[in-house]
Every structure is written in C-alpha cells, then in structure tokens.
C-alpha cells in the first residue's frame, strides 16, 4: 500500500488529491485479498488529478466489479470528495 505522486509536495502541506487518494486506497484495500499488492500512483495536473490503482490480476476483477459497477461507485465517491476539496479527479485501474 503505497501512494506515489509526480508532483513534489511542500513540507507539511497535503495536496487535495492526497485526501481523495486516501479514500480510494481505503476502499480498494477493503475489497482485495492481497492488500500488499495495492499501490496508487497520483498524478496532479492543471485540469485535476489522475489516480491509477495497481493491484494483483485476481483482485482487479473485484475492484472493477460486475459490468464495472464497483469502479463506477469508487469514481463517484472520489469525484464527490474531489469537489469538496476543490480538485477534479479521475480514477483508473491498472490490473
């Protein structure tokens, strides 16, 4: 379970996308069997943040869900929190 970002943070200051990434990580870790294989790559840009979730092949199906319902729900929650903290967010699963 590690979150990495492409933008360097200033000391002691948390980016808005970090709060959203924490939520996504919490949800995904609750769904998967192998929590150690879960990692997030957060890329902050001018238009918003991209959160790429990497997990094991077996757990990718659980994260995506039937007909994509689970990942759609995760994206909805991430976007809602993103609006509250003032950033646009997109979540992708990288099996």
PDB file of N, CA and C in Angstrom:
ATOM      1  N   UNK A   1       0.831  -1.173   0.000  1.00  0.00           N
ATOM      2  CA  UNK A   1       0.000   0.000   0.000  1.00  0.00           C
ATOM      3  C   UNK A   1       0.876   1.237   0.000  1.00  0.00           C
ATOM      4  N   UNK A   2       1.114   1.752  -1.156  1.00  0.00           N
ATOM      5  CA  UNK A   2       1.936   2.938  -1.214  1.00  0.00           C
ATOM      6  C   UNK A   2       1.331   3.909  -2.206  1.00  0.00           C
ATOM      7  N   UNK A   3       1.387   5.155  -1.885  1.00  0.00           N
ATOM      8  CA  UNK A   3       0.905   6.189  -2.781  1.00  0.00           C
ATOM      9  C   UNK A   3       2.090   7.013  -3.232  1.00  0.00           C
ATOM     10  N   UNK A   4       2.209   7.168  -4.516  1.00  0.00           N
ATOM     11  CA  UNK A   4       3.299   7.969  -5.048  1.00  0.00           C
ATOM     12  C   UNK A   4       2.705   9.089  -5.879  1.00  0.00           C
ATOM     13  N   UNK A   5       3.379  10.188  -5.939  1.00  0.00           N
ATOM     14  CA  UNK A   5       2.889  11.314  -6.722  1.00  0.00           C
ATOM     15  C   UNK A   5       3.983  11.864  -7.610  1.00  0.00           C
ATOM     16  N   UNK A   6       3.561  12.485  -8.708  1.00  0.00           N
ATOM     17  CA  UNK A   6       4.551  13.037  -9.612  1.00  0.00           C
ATOM     18  C   UNK A   6       4.864  14.492  -9.293  1.00  0.00           C
ATOM     19  N   UNK A   7       4.100  15.095  -8.416  1.00  0.00           N
ATOM     20  CA  UNK A   7       4.329  16.476  -8.034  1.00  0.00           C
ATOM     21  C   UNK A   7       4.942  16.480  -6.638  1.00  0.00           C
ATOM     22  N   UNK A   8       5.991  17.246  -6.469  1.00  0.00           N
ATOM     23  CA  UNK A   8       6.668  17.305  -5.175  1.00  0.00           C
ATOM     24  C   UNK A   8       5.851  18.180  -4.238  1.00  0.00           C
ATOM     25  N   UNK A   9       5.560  17.651  -3.048  1.00  0.00           N
ATOM     26  CA  UNK A   9       4.802  18.398  -2.054  1.00  0.00           C
ATOM     27  C   UNK A   9       5.746  19.302  -1.271  1.00  0.00           C
ATOM     28  N   UNK A  10       5.198  20.411  -0.812  1.00  0.00           N
ATOM     29  CA  UNK A  10       5.968  21.221   0.109  1.00  0.00           C
ATOM     30  C   UNK A  10       5.828  20.588   1.476  1.00  0.00           C
ATOM     31  N   UNK A  11       6.824  20.753   2.306  1.00  0.00           N
ATOM     32  CA  UNK A  11       6.843  20.092   3.606  1.00  0.00           C
ATOM     33  C   UNK A  11       5.638  20.478   4.439  1.00  0.00           C
ATOM     34  N   UNK A  12       4.960  19.441   4.989  1.00  0.00           N
ATOM     35  CA  UNK A  12       3.852  19.664   5.882  1.00  0.00           C
ATOM     36  C   UNK A  12       2.551  20.063   5.214  1.00  0.00           C
ATOM     37  N   UNK A  13       2.552  20.180   3.889  1.00  0.00           N
ATOM     38  CA  UNK A  13       1.349  20.594   3.186  1.00  0.00           C
ATOM     39  C   UNK A  13       0.817  19.429   2.366  1.00  0.00           C
ATOM     40  N   UNK A  14      -0.438  19.079   2.606  1.00  0.00           N
ATOM     41  CA  UNK A  14      -1.059  17.968   1.893  1.00  0.00           C
ATOM     42  C   UNK A  14      -1.835  18.519   0.703  1.00  0.00           C
ATOM     43  N   UNK A  15      -1.674  17.892  -0.445  1.00  0.00           N
ATOM     44  CA  UNK A  15      -2.418  18.278  -1.632  1.00  0.00           C
ATOM     45  C   UNK A  15      -3.849  17.768  -1.528  1.00  0.00           C
ATOM     46  N   UNK A  16      -4.818  18.457  -2.141  1.00  0.00           N
ATOM     47  CA  UNK A  16      -6.204  17.977  -2.104  1.00  0.00           C
ATOM     48  C   UNK A  16      -6.359  16.573  -2.679  1.00  0.00           C
ATOM     49  N   UNK A  17      -5.566  16.256  -3.688  1.00  0.00           N
ATOM     50  CA  UNK A  17      -5.667  14.926  -4.300  1.00  0.00           C
ATOM     51  C   UNK A  17      -5.212  13.823  -3.344  1.00  0.00           C
ATOM     52  N   UNK A  18      -4.387  14.162  -2.360  1.00  0.00           N
ATOM     53  CA  UNK A  18      -3.940  13.163  -1.379  1.00  0.00           C
ATOM     54  C   UNK A  18      -5.100  12.665  -0.526  1.00  0.00           C
ATOM     55  N   UNK A  19      -6.020  13.556  -0.192  1.00  0.00           N
ATOM     56  CA  UNK A  19      -7.194  13.147   0.590  1.00  0.00           C
ATOM     57  C   UNK A  19      -8.060  12.194  -0.207  1.00  0.00           C
ATOM     58  N   UNK A  20      -8.214  12.475  -1.499  1.00  0.00           N
ATOM     59  CA  UNK A  20      -9.012  11.605  -2.360  1.00  0.00           C
ATOM     60  C   UNK A  20      -8.306  10.265  -2.528  1.00  0.00           C
ATOM     61  N   UNK A  21      -6.991  10.286  -2.693  1.00  0.00           N
ATOM     62  CA  UNK A  21      -6.223   9.051  -2.839  1.00  0.00           C
ATOM     63  C   UNK A  21      -6.330   8.192  -1.584  1.00  0.00           C
ATOM     64  N   UNK A  22      -6.350   8.813  -0.415  1.00  0.00           N
ATOM     65  CA  UNK A  22      -6.516   8.065   0.831  1.00  0.00           C
ATOM     66  C   UNK A  22      -7.859   7.346   0.860  1.00  0.00           C
ATOM     67  N   UNK A  23      -8.906   8.023   0.401  1.00  0.00           N
ATOM     68  CA  UNK A  23     -10.232   7.403   0.345  1.00  0.00           C
ATOM     69  C   UNK A  23     -10.241   6.227  -0.616  1.00  0.00           C
ATOM     70  N   UNK A  24      -9.688   6.416  -1.805  1.00  0.00           N
ATOM     71  CA  UNK A  24      -9.656   5.347  -2.810  1.00  0.00           C
ATOM     72  C   UNK A  24      -8.862   4.157  -2.282  1.00  0.00           C
ATOM     73  N   UNK A  25      -7.730   4.420  -1.653  1.00  0.00           N
ATOM     74  CA  UNK A  25      -6.913   3.340  -1.104  1.00  0.00           C
ATOM     75  C   UNK A  25      -7.671   2.571  -0.027  1.00  0.00           C
ATOM     76  N   UNK A  26      -8.380   3.276   0.828  1.00  0.00           N
ATOM     77  CA  UNK A  26      -9.144   2.639   1.896  1.00  0.00           C
ATOM     78  C   UNK A  26     -10.215   1.712   1.310  1.00  0.00           C
ATOM     79  N   UNK A  27     -10.930   2.184   0.313  1.00  0.00           N
ATOM     80  CA  UNK A  27     -11.988   1.385  -0.304  1.00  0.00           C
ATOM     81  C   UNK A  27     -11.410   0.172  -1.011  1.00  0.00           C
ATOM     82  N   UNK A  28     -10.371   0.372  -1.818  1.00  0.00           N
ATOM     83  CA  UNK A  28      -9.778  -0.721  -2.592  1.00  0.00           C
ATOM     84  C   UNK A  28      -9.189  -1.777  -1.664  1.00  0.00           C
ATOM     85  N   UNK A  29      -8.505  -1.365  -0.617  1.00  0.00           N
ATOM     86  CA  UNK A  29      -7.910  -2.335   0.310  1.00  0.00           C
ATOM     87  C   UNK A  29      -8.979  -3.165   1.017  1.00  0.00           C
ATOM     88  N   UNK A  30     -10.165  -2.611   1.182  1.00  0.00           N
ATOM     89  CA  UNK A  30     -11.259  -3.365   1.768  1.00  0.00           C
ATOM     90  C   UNK A  30     -11.845  -4.405   0.822  1.00  0.00           C
ATOM     91  N   UNK A  31     -11.601  -4.242  -0.465  1.00  0.00           N
ATOM     92  CA  UNK A  31     -12.164  -5.155  -1.467  1.00  0.00           C
ATOM     93  C   UNK A  31     -11.244  -6.318  -1.819  1.00  0.00           C
ATOM     94  N   UNK A  32      -9.948  -6.111  -1.758  1.00  0.00           N
ATOM     95  CA  UNK A  32      -8.990  -7.080  -2.291  1.00  0.00           C
ATOM     96  C   UNK A  32      -8.534  -8.081  -1.228  1.00  0.00           C
ATOM     97  N   UNK A  33      -7.987  -9.208  -1.714  1.00  0.00           N
ATOM     98  CA  UNK A  33      -7.405 -10.209  -0.819  1.00  0.00           C
ATOM     99  C   UNK A  33      -5.963  -9.862  -0.467  1.00  0.00           C
ATOM    100  N   UNK A  34      -5.209  -9.379  -1.459  1.00  0.00           N
ATOM    101  CA  UNK A  34      -3.787  -9.098  -1.277  1.00  0.00           C
ATOM    102  C   UNK A  34      -3.572  -7.587  -1.168  1.00  0.00           C
ATOM    103  N   UNK A  35      -3.688  -7.055   0.054  1.00  0.00           N
ATOM    104  CA  UNK A  35      -3.518  -5.615   0.254  1.00  0.00           C
ATOM    105  C   UNK A  35      -2.097  -5.144  -0.048  1.00  0.00           C
ATOM    106  N   UNK A  36      -1.136  -6.034   0.095  1.00  0.00           N
ATOM    107  CA  UNK A  36       0.251  -5.681  -0.170  1.00  0.00           C
ATOM    108  C   UNK A  36       0.534  -5.370  -1.628  1.00  0.00           C
ATOM    109  N   UNK A  37      -0.311  -5.868  -2.516  1.00  0.00           N
ATOM    110  CA  UNK A  37      -0.120  -5.635  -3.952  1.00  0.00           C
ATOM    111  C   UNK A  37      -0.783  -4.346  -4.424  1.00  0.00           C
ATOM    112  N   UNK A  38      -1.491  -3.669  -3.540  1.00  0.00           N
ATOM    113  CA  UNK A  38      -2.196  -2.442  -3.921  1.00  0.00           C
ATOM    114  C   UNK A  38      -1.250  -1.259  -3.829  1.00  0.00           C
ATOM    115  N   UNK A  39      -1.192  -0.479  -4.900  1.00  0.00           N
ATOM    116  CA  UNK A  39      -0.440   0.768  -4.873  1.00  0.00           C
ATOM    117  C   UNK A  39      -1.182   1.799  -5.702  1.00  0.00           C
ATOM    118  N   UNK A  40      -0.992   3.046  -5.360  1.00  0.00           N
ATOM    119  CA  UNK A  40      -1.642   4.144  -6.070  1.00  0.00           C
ATOM    120  C   UNK A  40      -0.582   5.053  -6.652  1.00  0.00           C
ATOM    121  N   UNK A  41      -0.828   5.511  -7.859  1.00  0.00           N
ATOM    122  CA  UNK A  41       0.041   6.499  -8.484  1.00  0.00           C
ATOM    123  C   UNK A  41      -0.808   7.731  -8.729  1.00  0.00           C
ATOM    124  N   UNK A  42      -0.517   8.812  -8.035  1.00  0.00           N
ATOM    125  CA  UNK A  42      -1.292  10.042  -8.135  1.00  0.00           C
ATOM    126  C   UNK A  42      -0.530  11.032  -9.000  1.00  0.00           C
ATOM    127  N   UNK A  43      -1.163  11.478 -10.072  1.00  0.00           N
ATOM    128  CA  UNK A  43      -0.563  12.451 -10.972  1.00  0.00           C
ATOM    129  C   UNK A  43      -1.421  13.701 -10.950  1.00  0.00           C
ATOM    130  N   UNK A  44      -0.870  14.785 -10.452  1.00  0.00           N
ATOM    131  CA  UNK A  44      -1.589  16.050 -10.408  1.00  0.00           C
ATOM    132  C   UNK A  44      -1.258  16.866 -11.649  1.00  0.00           C
ATOM    133  N   UNK A  45      -2.296  17.390 -12.271  1.00  0.00           N
ATOM    134  CA  UNK A  45      -2.115  18.225 -13.451  1.00  0.00           C
ATOM    135  C   UNK A  45      -2.924  19.499 -13.316  1.00  0.00           C
ATOM    136  N   UNK A  46      -2.917  20.313 -14.363  1.00  0.00           N
ATOM    137  CA  UNK A  46      -3.654  21.568 -14.341  1.00  0.00           C
ATOM    138  C   UNK A  46      -5.154  21.353 -14.302  1.00  0.00           C
ATOM    139  N   UNK A  47      -5.622  20.295 -14.963  1.00  0.00           N
ATOM    140  CA  UNK A  47      -7.060  20.042 -15.044  1.00  0.00           C
ATOM    141  C   UNK A  47      -7.577  19.188 -13.892  1.00  0.00           C
ATOM    142  N   UNK A  48      -6.696  18.631 -13.087  1.00  0.00           N
ATOM    143  CA  UNK A  48      -7.124  17.792 -11.980  1.00  0.00           C
ATOM    144  C   UNK A  48      -6.114  16.704 -11.697  1.00  0.00           C
ATOM    145  N   UNK A  49      -6.568  15.669 -10.994  1.00  0.00           N
ATOM    146  CA  UNK A  49      -5.679  14.587 -10.585  1.00  0.00           C
ATOM    147  C   UNK A  49      -6.116  13.270 -11.225  1.00  0.00           C
ATOM    148  N   UNK A  50      -5.136  12.454 -11.564  1.00  0.00           N
ATOM    149  CA  UNK A  50      -5.375  11.105 -12.059  1.00  0.00           C
ATOM    150  C   UNK A  50      -4.831  10.153 -11.013  1.00  0.00           C
ATOM    151  N   UNK A  51      -5.693   9.252 -10.537  1.00  0.00           N
ATOM    152  CA  UNK A  51      -5.282   8.250  -9.559  1.00  0.00           C
ATOM    153  C   UNK A  51      -5.331   6.898 -10.247  1.00  0.00           C
ATOM    154  N   UNK A  52      -4.162   6.272 -10.413  1.00  0.00           N
ATOM    155  CA  UNK A  52      -4.080   4.952 -11.031  1.00  0.00           C
ATOM    156  C   UNK A  52      -3.896   3.917  -9.936  1.00  0.00           C
ATOM    157  N   UNK A  53      -4.829   2.973  -9.861  1.00  0.00           N
ATOM    158  CA  UNK A  53      -4.810   1.920  -8.859  1.00  0.00           C
ATOM    159  C   UNK A  53      -4.193   0.678  -9.481  1.00  0.00           C
ATOM    160  N   UNK A  54      -3.132   0.167  -8.866  1.00  0.00           N
ATOM    161  CA  UNK A  54      -2.499  -1.065  -9.326  1.00  0.00           C
ATOM    162  C   UNK A  54      -2.741  -2.133  -8.266  1.00  0.00           C
ATOM    163  N   UNK A  55      -3.182  -3.301  -8.727  1.00  0.00           N
ATOM    164  CA  UNK A  55      -3.420  -4.415  -7.814  1.00  0.00           C
ATOM    165  C   UNK A  55      -3.128  -5.710  -8.564  1.00  0.00           C
ATOM    166  N   UNK A  56      -3.227  -6.835  -7.855  1.00  0.00           N
ATOM    167  CA  UNK A  56      -2.956  -8.117  -8.497  1.00  0.00           C
ATOM    168  C   UNK A  56      -4.042  -8.430  -9.525  1.00  0.00           C
ATOM    169  N   UNK A  57      -3.714  -9.292 -10.472  1.00  0.00           N
ATOM    170  CA  UNK A  57      -4.648  -9.657 -11.543  1.00  0.00           C
ATOM    171  C   UNK A  57      -5.947 -10.234 -10.983  1.00  0.00           C
ATOM    172  N   UNK A  58      -5.838 -11.070  -9.955  1.00  0.00           N
ATOM    173  CA  UNK A  58      -7.024 -11.706  -9.378  1.00  0.00           C
ATOM    174  C   UNK A  58      -7.938 -10.681  -8.716  1.00  0.00           C
ATOM    175  N   UNK A  59      -7.358  -9.655  -8.120  1.00  0.00           N
ATOM    176  CA  UNK A  59      -8.149  -8.653  -7.412  1.00  0.00           C
ATOM    177  C   UNK A  59      -8.698  -7.559  -8.327  1.00  0.00           C
ATOM    178  N   UNK A  60      -8.150  -7.435  -9.531  1.00  0.00           N
ATOM    179  CA  UNK A  60      -8.615  -6.399 -10.447  1.00  0.00           C
ATOM    180  C   UNK A  60     -10.095  -6.576 -10.762  1.00  0.00           C
ATOM    181  N   UNK A  61     -10.529  -7.812 -10.899  1.00  0.00           N
ATOM    182  CA  UNK A  61     -11.940  -8.078 -11.165  1.00  0.00           C
ATOM    183  C   UNK A  61     -12.836  -7.633 -10.029  1.00  0.00           C
ATOM    184  N   UNK A  62     -12.366  -7.781  -8.809  1.00  0.00           N
ATOM    185  CA  UNK A  62     -13.142  -7.337  -7.652  1.00  0.00           C
ATOM    186  C   UNK A  62     -13.249  -5.816  -7.608  1.00  0.00           C
ATOM    187  N   UNK A  63     -12.168  -5.155  -7.944  1.00  0.00           N
ATOM    188  CA  UNK A  63     -12.165  -3.696  -7.919  1.00  0.00           C
ATOM    189  C   UNK A  63     -13.063  -3.139  -9.029  1.00  0.00           C
ATOM    190  N   UNK A  64     -13.044  -3.785 -10.179  1.00  0.00           N
ATOM    191  CA  UNK A  64     -13.870  -3.321 -11.297  1.00  0.00           C
ATOM    192  C   UNK A  64     -15.336  -3.691 -11.072  1.00  0.00           C
ATOM    193  N   UNK A  65     -15.589  -4.921 -10.630  1.00  0.00           N
ATOM    194  CA  UNK A  65     -16.950  -5.349 -10.346  1.00  0.00           C
ATOM    195  C   UNK A  65     -17.700  -5.783 -11.590  1.00  0.00           C
ATOM    196  N   UNK A  66     -18.875  -6.350 -11.375  1.00  0.00           N
ATOM    197  CA  UNK A  66     -19.712  -6.784 -12.496  1.00  0.00           C
ATOM    198  C   UNK A  66     -20.190  -5.587 -13.287  1.00  0.00           C
ATOM    199  N   UNK A  67     -19.957  -5.657 -14.584  1.00  0.00           N
ATOM    200  CA  UNK A  67     -20.332  -4.577 -15.507  1.00  0.00           C
ATOM    201  C   UNK A  67     -19.753  -3.227 -15.081  1.00  0.00           C
ATOM    202  N   UNK A  68     -18.652  -3.256 -14.325  1.00  0.00           N
ATOM    203  CA  UNK A  68     -17.976  -2.027 -13.932  1.00  0.00           C
ATOM    204  C   UNK A  68     -18.669  -1.245 -12.837  1.00  0.00           C
ATOM    205  N   UNK A  69     -19.586  -1.870 -12.139  1.00  0.00           N
ATOM    206  CA  UNK A  69     -20.367  -1.149 -11.121  1.00  0.00           C
ATOM    207  C   UNK A  69     -19.519  -0.695  -9.942  1.00  0.00           C
ATOM    208  N   UNK A  70     -18.595  -1.541  -9.501  1.00  0.00           N
ATOM    209  CA  UNK A  70     -17.798  -1.184  -8.326  1.00  0.00           C
ATOM    210  C   UNK A  70     -16.871  -0.010  -8.616  1.00  0.00           C
ATOM    211  N   UNK A  71     -16.153  -0.058  -9.737  1.00  0.00           N
ATOM    212  CA  UNK A  71     -15.249   1.060 -10.060  1.00  0.00           C
ATOM    213  C   UNK A  71     -16.043   2.326 -10.336  1.00  0.00           C
ATOM    214  N   UNK A  72     -17.235   2.185 -10.875  1.00  0.00           N
ATOM    215  CA  UNK A  72     -18.078   3.358 -11.105  1.00  0.00           C
ATOM    216  C   UNK A  72     -18.453   4.009  -9.773  1.00  0.00           C
ATOM    217  N   UNK A  73     -18.774   3.186  -8.776  1.00  0.00           N
ATOM    218  CA  UNK A  73     -19.105   3.713  -7.449  1.00  0.00           C
ATOM    219  C   UNK A  73     -17.883   4.377  -6.806  1.00  0.00           C
ATOM    220  N   UNK A  74     -16.711   3.753  -6.960  1.00  0.00           N
ATOM    221  CA  UNK A  74     -15.477   4.340  -6.416  1.00  0.00           C
ATOM    222  C   UNK A  74     -15.210   5.686  -7.080  1.00  0.00           C
ATOM    223  N   UNK A  75     -15.392   5.755  -8.394  1.00  0.00           N
ATOM    224  CA  UNK A  75     -15.182   7.026  -9.114  1.00  0.00           C
ATOM    225  C   UNK A  75     -16.155   8.094  -8.642  1.00  0.00           C
ATOM    226  N   UNK A  76     -17.408   7.705  -8.402  1.00  0.00           N
ATOM    227  CA  UNK A  76     -18.409   8.663  -7.936  1.00  0.00           C
ATOM    228  C   UNK A  76     -18.016   9.234  -6.578  1.00  0.00           C
ATOM    229  N   UNK A  77     -17.587   8.372  -5.657  1.00  0.00           N
ATOM    230  CA  UNK A  77     -17.159   8.841  -4.340  1.00  0.00           C
ATOM    231  C   UNK A  77     -15.917   9.725  -4.441  1.00  0.00           C
ATOM    232  N   UNK A  78     -14.968   9.322  -5.286  1.00  0.00           N
ATOM    233  CA  UNK A  78     -13.734  10.101  -5.447  1.00  0.00           C
ATOM    234  C   UNK A  78     -14.033  11.481  -6.031  1.00  0.00           C
ATOM    235  N   UNK A  79     -14.913  11.546  -7.017  1.00  0.00           N
ATOM    236  CA  UNK A  79     -15.268  12.835  -7.611  1.00  0.00           C
ATOM    237  C   UNK A  79     -16.005  13.726  -6.623  1.00  0.00           C
ATOM    238  N   UNK A  80     -16.876  13.111  -5.806  1.00  0.00           N
ATOM    239  CA  UNK A  80     -17.611  13.893  -4.804  1.00  0.00           C
ATOM    240  C   UNK A  80     -16.649  14.512  -3.787  1.00  0.00           C
ATOM    241  N   UNK A  81     -15.710  13.715  -3.291  1.00  0.00           N
ATOM    242  CA  UNK A  81     -14.722  14.263  -2.353  1.00  0.00           C
ATOM    243  C   UNK A  81     -13.826  15.272  -3.060  1.00  0.00           C
ATOM    244  N   UNK A  82     -13.480  15.002  -4.305  1.00  0.00           N
ATOM    245  CA  UNK A  82     -12.668  15.941  -5.077  1.00  0.00           C
ATOM    246  C   UNK A  82     -13.330  17.304  -5.191  1.00  0.00           C
ATOM    247  N   UNK A  83     -14.640  17.313  -5.397  1.00  0.00           N
ATOM    248  CA  UNK A  83     -15.359  18.583  -5.461  1.00  0.00           C
ATOM    249  C   UNK A  83     -15.296  19.317  -4.127  1.00  0.00           C
ATOM    250  N   UNK A  84     -15.408  18.557  -3.041  1.00  0.00           N
ATOM    251  CA  UNK A  84     -15.367  19.183  -1.716  1.00  0.00           C
ATOM    252  C   UNK A  84     -14.011  19.818  -1.426  1.00  0.00           C
ATOM    253  N   UNK A  85     -12.936  19.180  -1.896  1.00  0.00           N
ATOM    254  CA  UNK A  85     -11.598  19.713  -1.617  1.00  0.00           C
ATOM    255  C   UNK A  85     -11.079  20.594  -2.746  1.00  0.00           C
ATOM    256  N   UNK A  86     -11.860  20.724  -3.821  1.00  0.00           N
ATOM    257  CA  UNK A  86     -11.516  21.672  -4.877  1.00  0.00           C
ATOM    258  C   UNK A  86     -10.621  21.154  -5.981  1.00  0.00           C
ATOM    259  N   UNK A  87     -10.761  19.888  -6.353  1.00  0.00           N
ATOM    260  CA  UNK A  87      -9.970  19.363  -7.458  1.00  0.00           C
ATOM    261  C   UNK A  87     -10.787  18.341  -8.243  1.00  0.00           C
ATOM    262  N   UNK A  88     -10.551  18.285  -9.537  1.00  0.00           N
ATOM    263  CA  UNK A  88     -11.187  17.269 -10.374  1.00  0.00           C
ATOM    264  C   UNK A  88     -10.371  15.988 -10.260  1.00  0.00           C
ATOM    265  N   UNK A  89     -11.049  14.841 -10.259  1.00  0.00           N
ATOM    266  CA  UNK A  89     -10.375  13.573 -10.031  1.00  0.00           C
ATOM    267  C   UNK A  89     -10.857  12.539 -11.041  1.00  0.00           C
ATOM    268  N   UNK A  90      -9.932  11.721 -11.523  1.00  0.00           N
ATOM    269  CA  UNK A  90     -10.239  10.569 -12.366  1.00  0.00           C
ATOM    270  C   UNK A  90      -9.536   9.365 -11.771  1.00  0.00           C
ATOM    271  N   UNK A  91     -10.235   8.237 -11.715  1.00  0.00           N
ATOM    272  CA  UNK A  91      -9.671   7.005 -11.140  1.00  0.00           C
ATOM    273  C   UNK A  91      -9.637   5.941 -12.216  1.00  0.00           C
ATOM    274  N   UNK A  92      -8.468   5.300 -12.392  1.00  0.00           N
ATOM    275  CA  UNK A  92      -8.284   4.221 -13.350  1.00  0.00           C
ATOM    276  C   UNK A  92      -7.679   3.006 -12.651  1.00  0.00           C
ATOM    277  N   UNK A  93      -8.047   1.816 -13.121  1.00  0.00           N
ATOM    278  CA  UNK A  93      -7.487   0.580 -12.582  1.00  0.00           C
ATOM    279  C   UNK A  93      -6.477   0.023 -13.572  1.00  0.00           C
ATOM    280  N   UNK A  94      -5.266  -0.222 -13.085  1.00  0.00           N
ATOM    281  CA  UNK A  94      -4.216  -0.826 -13.886  1.00  0.00           C
ATOM    282  C   UNK A  94      -3.982  -2.199 -13.284  1.00  0.00           C
ATOM    283  N   UNK A  95      -4.544  -3.226 -13.925  1.00  0.00           N
ATOM    284  CA  UNK A  95      -4.516  -4.589 -13.400  1.00  0.00           C
ATOM    285  C   UNK A  95      -3.163  -5.055 -13.108  1.00  0.00           C
TER     286      UNK A  95
END
